[in-house]
């Protein structure tokens, strides 16, 4: 699974939630959306990209949401 496509999709989600007045709620909602609607291999690939230079392409709000909720987003093996 290509990380650049996943990052683009995650950034679109982040852009939508970025307008919310409560930042913590926005971070929670981004993670909830990814957990509910992304299949496990997509989440694994996105989280793997978080630890590489590819993360530079992520919106700040997406990075914050992934870091805050990393354990919750990690699929069970």
C-alpha atoms as a PDB file:
ATOM      1  CA  UNK A   1       0.000   0.000   0.000  1.00  0.00           C
ATOM      2  CA  UNK A   2       1.476   3.326  -1.030  1.00  0.00           C
ATOM      3  CA  UNK A   3       1.969   5.705   1.855  1.00  0.00           C
ATOM      4  CA  UNK A   4       1.635   8.815  -0.315  1.00  0.00           C
ATOM      5  CA  UNK A   5      -1.970   7.944  -1.180  1.00  0.00           C
ATOM      6  CA  UNK A   6      -2.780   7.251   2.462  1.00  0.00           C
ATOM      7  CA  UNK A   7      -1.161  10.508   3.535  1.00  0.00           C
ATOM      8  CA  UNK A   8      -3.194  12.394   0.936  1.00  0.00           C
ATOM      9  CA  UNK A   9      -6.408  10.806   2.231  1.00  0.00           C
ATOM     10  CA  UNK A  10      -5.457  11.447   5.870  1.00  0.00           C
ATOM     11  CA  UNK A  11      -4.699  15.080   5.005  1.00  0.00           C
ATOM     12  CA  UNK A  12      -8.159  15.445   3.454  1.00  0.00           C
ATOM     13  CA  UNK A  13      -9.699  14.139   6.670  1.00  0.00           C
ATOM     14  CA  UNK A  14      -7.500  16.504   8.666  1.00  0.00           C
ATOM     15  CA  UNK A  15      -8.482  19.449   6.503  1.00  0.00           C
ATOM     16  CA  UNK A  16     -12.157  18.773   7.216  1.00  0.00           C
ATOM     17  CA  UNK A  17     -11.698  18.516  10.981  1.00  0.00           C
ATOM     18  CA  UNK A  18      -9.208  21.395  11.176  1.00  0.00           C
ATOM     19  CA  UNK A  19     -12.071  23.910  11.193  1.00  0.00           C
ATOM     20  CA  UNK A  20     -13.501  22.557  14.446  1.00  0.00           C
ATOM     21  CA  UNK A  21     -13.234  25.057  17.306  1.00  0.00           C
ATOM     22  CA  UNK A  22     -12.099  22.432  19.838  1.00  0.00           C
ATOM     23  CA  UNK A  23      -8.697  21.082  18.778  1.00  0.00           C
ATOM     24  CA  UNK A  24      -8.724  18.053  21.104  1.00  0.00           C
ATOM     25  CA  UNK A  25     -12.117  17.037  19.768  1.00  0.00           C
ATOM     26  CA  UNK A  26     -10.783  17.386  16.221  1.00  0.00           C
ATOM     27  CA  UNK A  27      -7.814  15.125  17.029  1.00  0.00           C
ATOM     28  CA  UNK A  28     -10.156  12.545  18.522  1.00  0.00           C
ATOM     29  CA  UNK A  29     -12.511  12.729  15.539  1.00  0.00           C
ATOM     30  CA  UNK A  30      -9.696  12.280  13.015  1.00  0.00           C
ATOM     31  CA  UNK A  31      -8.535   9.151  14.823  1.00  0.00           C
ATOM     32  CA  UNK A  32     -12.087   7.849  15.173  1.00  0.00           C
ATOM     33  CA  UNK A  33     -12.712   8.280  11.460  1.00  0.00           C
ATOM     34  CA  UNK A  34      -9.514   6.443  10.520  1.00  0.00           C
ATOM     35  CA  UNK A  35     -10.190   3.643  13.022  1.00  0.00           C
ATOM     36  CA  UNK A  36     -13.779   3.140  11.827  1.00  0.00           C
ATOM     37  CA  UNK A  37     -13.365   3.432   8.070  1.00  0.00           C
ATOM     38  CA  UNK A  38      -9.808   2.349   7.236  1.00  0.00           C
ATOM     39  CA  UNK A  39      -8.955  -1.321   6.988  1.00  0.00           C
ATOM     40  CA  UNK A  40      -6.106  -2.626   9.204  1.00  0.00           C
ATOM     41  CA  UNK A  41      -3.452  -2.731   6.476  1.00  0.00           C
ATOM     42  CA  UNK A  42      -4.159   0.916   5.613  1.00  0.00           C
ATOM     43  CA  UNK A  43      -3.760   1.928   9.259  1.00  0.00           C
ATOM     44  CA  UNK A  44      -0.541  -0.098   9.595  1.00  0.00           C
ATOM     45  CA  UNK A  45       0.966   1.562   6.523  1.00  0.00           C
ATOM     46  CA  UNK A  46      -0.035   5.060   7.659  1.00  0.00           C
ATOM     47  CA  UNK A  47       1.403   4.498  11.140  1.00  0.00           C
ATOM     48  CA  UNK A  48       4.601   3.099   9.609  1.00  0.00           C
ATOM     49  CA  UNK A  49       4.941   6.276   7.517  1.00  0.00           C
ATOM     50  CA  UNK A  50       4.695   8.293  10.717  1.00  0.00           C
ATOM     51  CA  UNK A  51       8.231   7.126  11.597  1.00  0.00           C
ATOM     52  CA  UNK A  52       9.768   8.053   8.234  1.00  0.00           C
ATOM     53  CA  UNK A  53      10.501  11.159   6.190  1.00  0.00           C
ATOM     54  CA  UNK A  54       7.116  10.649   4.520  1.00  0.00           C
ATOM     55  CA  UNK A  55       5.526  12.119   7.647  1.00  0.00           C
ATOM     56  CA  UNK A  56       6.739  15.530   6.474  1.00  0.00           C
ATOM     57  CA  UNK A  57       3.897  15.447   3.952  1.00  0.00           C
ATOM     58  CA  UNK A  58       1.261  15.161   6.681  1.00  0.00           C
ATOM     59  CA  UNK A  59      -0.721  18.114   7.953  1.00  0.00           C
ATOM     60  CA  UNK A  60       0.219  19.078  11.490  1.00  0.00           C
ATOM     61  CA  UNK A  61      -3.242  18.184  12.793  1.00  0.00           C
ATOM     62  CA  UNK A  62      -2.985  14.695  11.256  1.00  0.00           C
ATOM     63  CA  UNK A  63       0.429  14.154  12.834  1.00  0.00           C
ATOM     64  CA  UNK A  64      -0.929  15.239  16.209  1.00  0.00           C
ATOM     65  CA  UNK A  65      -3.965  12.955  15.929  1.00  0.00           C
ATOM     66  CA  UNK A  66      -1.874   9.946  14.902  1.00  0.00           C
ATOM     67  CA  UNK A  67       0.636  10.505  17.673  1.00  0.00           C
ATOM     68  CA  UNK A  68      -2.054  10.997  20.310  1.00  0.00           C
ATOM     69  CA  UNK A  69      -4.061   7.924  19.256  1.00  0.00           C
ATOM     70  CA  UNK A  70      -1.321   5.682  17.881  1.00  0.00           C
ATOM     71  CA  UNK A  71      -2.023   2.813  20.293  1.00  0.00           C
ATOM     72  CA  UNK A  72      -5.754   2.903  19.524  1.00  0.00           C
ATOM     73  CA  UNK A  73      -5.170   2.957  15.766  1.00  0.00           C
ATOM     74  CA  UNK A  74      -2.723   0.051  15.742  1.00  0.00           C
ATOM     75  CA  UNK A  75      -4.626  -3.000  14.469  1.00  0.00           C
ATOM     76  CA  UNK A  76      -4.392  -6.215  16.434  1.00  0.00           C
ATOM     77  CA  UNK A  77      -1.971  -8.686  14.904  1.00  0.00           C
END
